[in-house]
Amino acid sequence: MGRKPNYSFERMERQKLKASKKASRLEAKKERTEKRKAENTELSDKIEVDSQSPPEVL
């Protein structure tokens, strides 16, 4: 004889898995955006420094 199904427990387990997967994806997305923003600020700082230097006379 099989066991009595516990649908609410199984549903809660699925929801827990979905939530943890979603949280890990969100964390990875935040890390990517922070990395991209850091690279963009470095590039913009470099461009500002280059634009502040006087033009070279040939």
PDB file of N, CA and C in Angstrom:
ATOM      1  N   MET A   1       0.842  -1.174   0.000  1.00  0.00           N
ATOM      2  CA  MET A   1       0.000   0.000   0.000  1.00  0.00           C
ATOM      3  C   MET A   1       0.892   1.244   0.000  1.00  0.00           C
ATOM      4  N   GLY A   2       0.543   2.202  -0.828  1.00  0.00           N
ATOM      5  CA  GLY A   2       1.325   3.427  -0.943  1.00  0.00           C
ATOM      6  C   GLY A   2       1.023   4.415   0.167  1.00  0.00           C
ATOM      7  N   ARG A   3       1.813   5.416   0.225  1.00  0.00           N
ATOM      8  CA  ARG A   3       1.613   6.437   1.262  1.00  0.00           C
ATOM      9  C   ARG A   3       0.556   7.444   0.815  1.00  0.00           C
ATOM     10  N   LYS A   4       0.013   8.140   1.766  1.00  0.00           N
ATOM     11  CA  LYS A   4      -0.973   9.173   1.477  1.00  0.00           C
ATOM     12  C   LYS A   4      -0.225  10.410   0.969  1.00  0.00           C
ATOM     13  N   PRO A   5      -0.630  10.966  -0.174  1.00  0.00           N
ATOM     14  CA  PRO A   5       0.093  12.128  -0.706  1.00  0.00           C
ATOM     15  C   PRO A   5      -0.109  13.369   0.169  1.00  0.00           C
ATOM     16  N   ASN A   6       0.953  14.135   0.285  1.00  0.00           N
ATOM     17  CA  ASN A   6       0.908  15.377   1.050  1.00  0.00           C
ATOM     18  C   ASN A   6       1.180  16.516   0.059  1.00  0.00           C
ATOM     19  N   TYR A   7       0.134  16.941  -0.640  1.00  0.00           N
ATOM     20  CA  TYR A   7       0.283  17.897  -1.725  1.00  0.00           C
ATOM     21  C   TYR A   7       0.800  19.255  -1.254  1.00  0.00           C
ATOM     22  N   SER A   8       0.327  19.703  -0.109  1.00  0.00           N
ATOM     23  CA  SER A   8       0.762  21.029   0.356  1.00  0.00           C
ATOM     24  C   SER A   8       2.252  21.038   0.675  1.00  0.00           C
ATOM     25  N   PHE A   9       2.761  19.965   1.275  1.00  0.00           N
ATOM     26  CA  PHE A   9       4.192  19.893   1.575  1.00  0.00           C
ATOM     27  C   PHE A   9       5.009  19.874   0.286  1.00  0.00           C
ATOM     28  N   GLU A  10       4.567  19.079  -0.687  1.00  0.00           N
ATOM     29  CA  GLU A  10       5.285  18.994  -1.962  1.00  0.00           C
ATOM     30  C   GLU A  10       5.283  20.339  -2.679  1.00  0.00           C
ATOM     31  N   ARG A  11       4.150  21.038  -2.633  1.00  0.00           N
ATOM     32  CA  ARG A  11       4.060  22.352  -3.262  1.00  0.00           C
ATOM     33  C   ARG A  11       4.995  23.345  -2.569  1.00  0.00           C
ATOM     34  N   MET A  12       5.039  23.301  -1.236  1.00  0.00           N
ATOM     35  CA  MET A  12       5.935  24.194  -0.496  1.00  0.00           C
ATOM     36  C   MET A  12       7.393  23.908  -0.835  1.00  0.00           C
ATOM     37  N   GLU A  13       7.734  22.640  -0.998  1.00  0.00           N
ATOM     38  CA  GLU A  13       9.106  22.285  -1.372  1.00  0.00           C
ATOM     39  C   GLU A  13       9.457  22.833  -2.754  1.00  0.00           C
ATOM     40  N   ARG A  14       8.524  22.721  -3.706  1.00  0.00           N
ATOM     41  CA  ARG A  14       8.763  23.267  -5.048  1.00  0.00           C
ATOM     42  C   ARG A  14       8.929  24.779  -4.995  1.00  0.00           C
ATOM     43  N   GLN A  15       8.082  25.439  -4.217  1.00  0.00           N
ATOM     44  CA  GLN A  15       8.175  26.894  -4.091  1.00  0.00           C
ATOM     45  C   GLN A  15       9.494  27.311  -3.450  1.00  0.00           C
ATOM     46  N   LYS A  16       9.958  26.530  -2.480  1.00  0.00           N
ATOM     47  CA  LYS A  16      11.233  26.819  -1.823  1.00  0.00           C
ATOM     48  C   LYS A  16      12.386  26.703  -2.821  1.00  0.00           C
ATOM     49  N   LEU A  17      12.334  25.662  -3.656  1.00  0.00           N
ATOM     50  CA  LEU A  17      13.369  25.494  -4.679  1.00  0.00           C
ATOM     51  C   LEU A  17      13.354  26.652  -5.669  1.00  0.00           C
ATOM     52  N   LYS A  18      12.159  27.051  -6.100  1.00  0.00           N
ATOM     53  CA  LYS A  18      12.038  28.171  -7.035  1.00  0.00           C
ATOM     54  C   LYS A  18      12.587  29.452  -6.415  1.00  0.00           C
ATOM     55  N   ALA A  19      12.273  29.690  -5.149  1.00  0.00           N
ATOM     56  CA  ALA A  19      12.726  30.906  -4.476  1.00  0.00           C
ATOM     57  C   ALA A  19      14.245  30.936  -4.352  1.00  0.00           C
ATOM     58  N   SER A  20      14.850  29.797  -4.018  1.00  0.00           N
ATOM     59  CA  SER A  20      16.308  29.779  -3.883  1.00  0.00           C
ATOM     60  C   SER A  20      16.978  29.960  -5.241  1.00  0.00           C
ATOM     61  N   LYS A  21      16.410  29.368  -6.279  1.00  0.00           N
ATOM     62  CA  LYS A  21      16.954  29.521  -7.625  1.00  0.00           C
ATOM     63  C   LYS A  21      16.836  30.976  -8.087  1.00  0.00           C
ATOM     64  N   LYS A  22      15.697  31.580  -7.807  1.00  0.00           N
ATOM     65  CA  LYS A  22      15.475  32.974  -8.179  1.00  0.00           C
ATOM     66  C   LYS A  22      16.435  33.899  -7.432  1.00  0.00           C
ATOM     67  N   ALA A  23      16.667  33.612  -6.157  1.00  0.00           N
ATOM     68  CA  ALA A  23      17.580  34.429  -5.358  1.00  0.00           C
ATOM     69  C   ALA A  23      19.008  34.327  -5.885  1.00  0.00           C
ATOM     70  N   SER A  24      19.424  33.129  -6.271  1.00  0.00           N
ATOM     71  CA  SER A  24      20.784  32.977  -6.796  1.00  0.00           C
ATOM     72  C   SER A  24      20.931  33.687  -8.135  1.00  0.00           C
ATOM     73  N   ARG A  25      19.897  33.634  -8.962  1.00  0.00           N
ATOM     74  CA  ARG A  25      19.942  34.356 -10.240  1.00  0.00           C
ATOM     75  C   ARG A  25      20.007  35.859 -10.012  1.00  0.00           C
ATOM     76  N   LEU A  26      19.223  36.348  -9.062  1.00  0.00           N
ATOM     77  CA  LEU A  26      19.213  37.773  -8.758  1.00  0.00           C
ATOM     78  C   LEU A  26      20.577  38.224  -8.241  1.00  0.00           C
ATOM     79  N   GLU A  27      21.200  37.417  -7.402  1.00  0.00           N
ATOM     80  CA  GLU A  27      22.532  37.735  -6.875  1.00  0.00           C
ATOM     81  C   GLU A  27      23.555  37.794  -8.006  1.00  0.00           C
ATOM     82  N   ALA A  28      23.489  36.837  -8.925  1.00  0.00           N
ATOM     83  CA  ALA A  28      24.413  36.832 -10.058  1.00  0.00           C
ATOM     84  C   ALA A  28      24.189  38.059 -10.930  1.00  0.00           C
ATOM     85  N   LYS A  29      22.945  38.441 -11.105  1.00  0.00           N
ATOM     86  CA  LYS A  29      22.628  39.620 -11.914  1.00  0.00           C
ATOM     87  C   LYS A  29      23.169  40.886 -11.256  1.00  0.00           C
ATOM     88  N   LYS A  30      23.031  40.985  -9.931  1.00  0.00           N
ATOM     89  CA  LYS A  30      23.559  42.148  -9.211  1.00  0.00           C
ATOM     90  C   LYS A  30      25.078  42.228  -9.349  1.00  0.00           C
ATOM     91  N   GLU A  31      25.745  41.081  -9.246  1.00  0.00           N
ATOM     92  CA  GLU A  31      27.202  41.064  -9.385  1.00  0.00           C
ATOM     93  C   GLU A  31      27.622  41.515 -10.780  1.00  0.00           C
ATOM     94  N   ARG A  32      26.898  41.060 -11.801  1.00  0.00           N
ATOM     95  CA  ARG A  32      27.229  41.469 -13.171  1.00  0.00           C
ATOM     96  C   ARG A  32      27.036  42.966 -13.362  1.00  0.00           C
ATOM     97  N   THR A  33      25.938  43.527 -12.819  1.00  0.00           N
ATOM     98  CA  THR A  33      25.699  44.953 -12.983  1.00  0.00           C
ATOM     99  C   THR A  33      26.743  45.773 -12.231  1.00  0.00           C
ATOM    100  N   GLU A  34      27.127  45.332 -11.026  1.00  0.00           N
ATOM    101  CA  GLU A  34      28.162  46.049 -10.276  1.00  0.00           C
ATOM    102  C   GLU A  34      29.486  46.028 -11.030  1.00  0.00           C
ATOM    103  N   LYS A  35      29.815  44.896 -11.604  1.00  0.00           N
ATOM    104  CA  LYS A  35      31.056  44.770 -12.363  1.00  0.00           C
ATOM    105  C   LYS A  35      31.024  45.688 -13.583  1.00  0.00           C
ATOM    106  N   ARG A  36      29.878  45.695 -14.281  1.00  0.00           N
ATOM    107  CA  ARG A  36      29.742  46.535 -15.466  1.00  0.00           C
ATOM    108  C   ARG A  36      29.837  48.019 -15.092  1.00  0.00           C
ATOM    109  N   LYS A  37      29.181  48.411 -14.005  1.00  0.00           N
ATOM    110  CA  LYS A  37      29.229  49.807 -13.575  1.00  0.00           C
ATOM    111  C   LYS A  37      30.644  50.211 -13.190  1.00  0.00           C
ATOM    112  N   ALA A  38      31.369  49.317 -12.531  1.00  0.00           N
ATOM    113  CA  ALA A  38      32.749  49.612 -12.148  1.00  0.00           C
ATOM    114  C   ALA A  38      33.617  49.801 -13.389  1.00  0.00           C
ATOM    115  N   GLU A  39      33.422  48.955 -14.388  1.00  0.00           N
ATOM    116  CA  GLU A  39      34.193  49.090 -15.625  1.00  0.00           C
ATOM    117  C   GLU A  39      33.843  50.391 -16.331  1.00  0.00           C
ATOM    118  N   ASN A  40      32.562  50.758 -16.342  1.00  0.00           N
ATOM    119  CA  ASN A  40      32.142  51.992 -16.999  1.00  0.00           C
ATOM    120  C   ASN A  40      32.723  53.216 -16.300  1.00  0.00           C
ATOM    121  N   THR A  41      32.770  53.205 -14.974  1.00  0.00           N
ATOM    122  CA  THR A  41      33.327  54.358 -14.270  1.00  0.00           C
ATOM    123  C   THR A  41      34.829  54.458 -14.510  1.00  0.00           C
ATOM    124  N   GLU A  42      35.505  53.322 -14.590  1.00  0.00           N
ATOM    125  CA  GLU A  42      36.940  53.344 -14.879  1.00  0.00           C
ATOM    126  C   GLU A  42      37.190  53.921 -16.263  1.00  0.00           C
ATOM    127  N   LEU A  43      36.381  53.523 -17.231  1.00  0.00           N
ATOM    128  CA  LEU A  43      36.543  54.025 -18.591  1.00  0.00           C
ATOM    129  C   LEU A  43      36.232  55.515 -18.659  1.00  0.00           C
ATOM    130  N   SER A  44      35.173  55.943 -17.979  1.00  0.00           N
ATOM    131  CA  SER A  44      34.817  57.356 -18.016  1.00  0.00           C
ATOM    132  C   SER A  44      35.884  58.198 -17.318  1.00  0.00           C
ATOM    133  N   ASP A  45      36.473  57.689 -16.233  1.00  0.00           N
ATOM    134  CA  ASP A  45      37.555  58.404 -15.563  1.00  0.00           C
ATOM    135  C   ASP A  45      38.757  58.531 -16.489  1.00  0.00           C
ATOM    136  N   LYS A  46      39.061  57.485 -17.209  1.00  0.00           N
ATOM    137  CA  LYS A  46      40.193  57.502 -18.129  1.00  0.00           C
ATOM    138  C   LYS A  46      39.946  58.498 -19.256  1.00  0.00           C
ATOM    139  N   ILE A  47      38.724  58.539 -19.765  1.00  0.00           N
ATOM    140  CA  ILE A  47      38.391  59.472 -20.840  1.00  0.00           C
ATOM    141  C   ILE A  47      38.493  60.903 -20.332  1.00  0.00           C
ATOM    142  N   GLU A  48      38.011  61.165 -19.110  1.00  0.00           N
ATOM    143  CA  GLU A  48      38.087  62.506 -18.541  1.00  0.00           C
ATOM    144  C   GLU A  48      39.535  62.941 -18.370  1.00  0.00           C
ATOM    145  N   VAL A  49      40.396  62.068 -17.932  1.00  0.00           N
ATOM    146  CA  VAL A  49      41.807  62.392 -17.745  1.00  0.00           C
ATOM    147  C   VAL A  49      42.438  62.687 -19.100  1.00  0.00           C
ATOM    148  N   ASP A  50      42.127  61.887 -20.108  1.00  0.00           N
ATOM    149  CA  ASP A  50      42.674  62.103 -21.441  1.00  0.00           C
ATOM    150  C   ASP A  50      42.176  63.414 -22.037  1.00  0.00           C
ATOM    151  N   SER A  51      40.927  63.763 -21.810  1.00  0.00           N
ATOM    152  CA  SER A  51      40.380  64.985 -22.387  1.00  0.00           C
ATOM    153  C   SER A  51      40.915  66.224 -21.671  1.00  0.00           C
ATOM    154  N   GLN A  52      41.388  66.102 -20.437  1.00  0.00           N
ATOM    155  CA  GLN A  52      41.912  67.241 -19.702  1.00  0.00           C
ATOM    156  C   GLN A  52      43.352  67.562 -20.082  1.00  0.00           C
ATOM    157  N   SER A  53      44.051  66.617 -20.650  1.00  0.00           N
ATOM    158  CA  SER A  53      45.431  66.880 -21.042  1.00  0.00           C
ATOM    159  C   SER A  53      45.443  67.758 -22.294  1.00  0.00           C
ATOM    160  N   PRO A  54      46.436  68.647 -22.427  1.00  0.00           N
ATOM    161  CA  PRO A  54      46.479  69.543 -23.587  1.00  0.00           C
ATOM    162  C   PRO A  54      46.741  68.753 -24.869  1.00  0.00           C
ATOM    163  N   PRO A  55      46.231  69.247 -25.978  1.00  0.00           N
ATOM    164  CA  PRO A  55      46.448  68.539 -27.246  1.00  0.00           C
ATOM    165  C   PRO A  55      47.918  68.593 -27.655  1.00  0.00           C
ATOM    166  N   GLU A  56      48.346  67.558 -28.313  1.00  0.00           N
ATOM    167  CA  GLU A  56      49.739  67.488 -28.752  1.00  0.00           C
ATOM    168  C   GLU A  56      49.915  68.304 -30.031  1.00  0.00           C
ATOM    169  N   VAL A  57      51.001  69.029 -30.094  1.00  0.00           N
ATOM    170  CA  VAL A  57      51.305  69.823 -31.277  1.00  0.00           C
ATOM    171  C   VAL A  57      52.348  69.070 -32.076  1.00  0.00           C
ATOM    172  N   LEU A  58      52.060  68.846 -33.342  1.00  0.00           N
ATOM    173  CA  LEU A  58      52.998  68.113 -34.188  1.00  0.00           C
ATOM    174  C   LEU A  58      53.870  69.031 -34.982  1.00  0.00           C
TER     175      LEU A  58
END
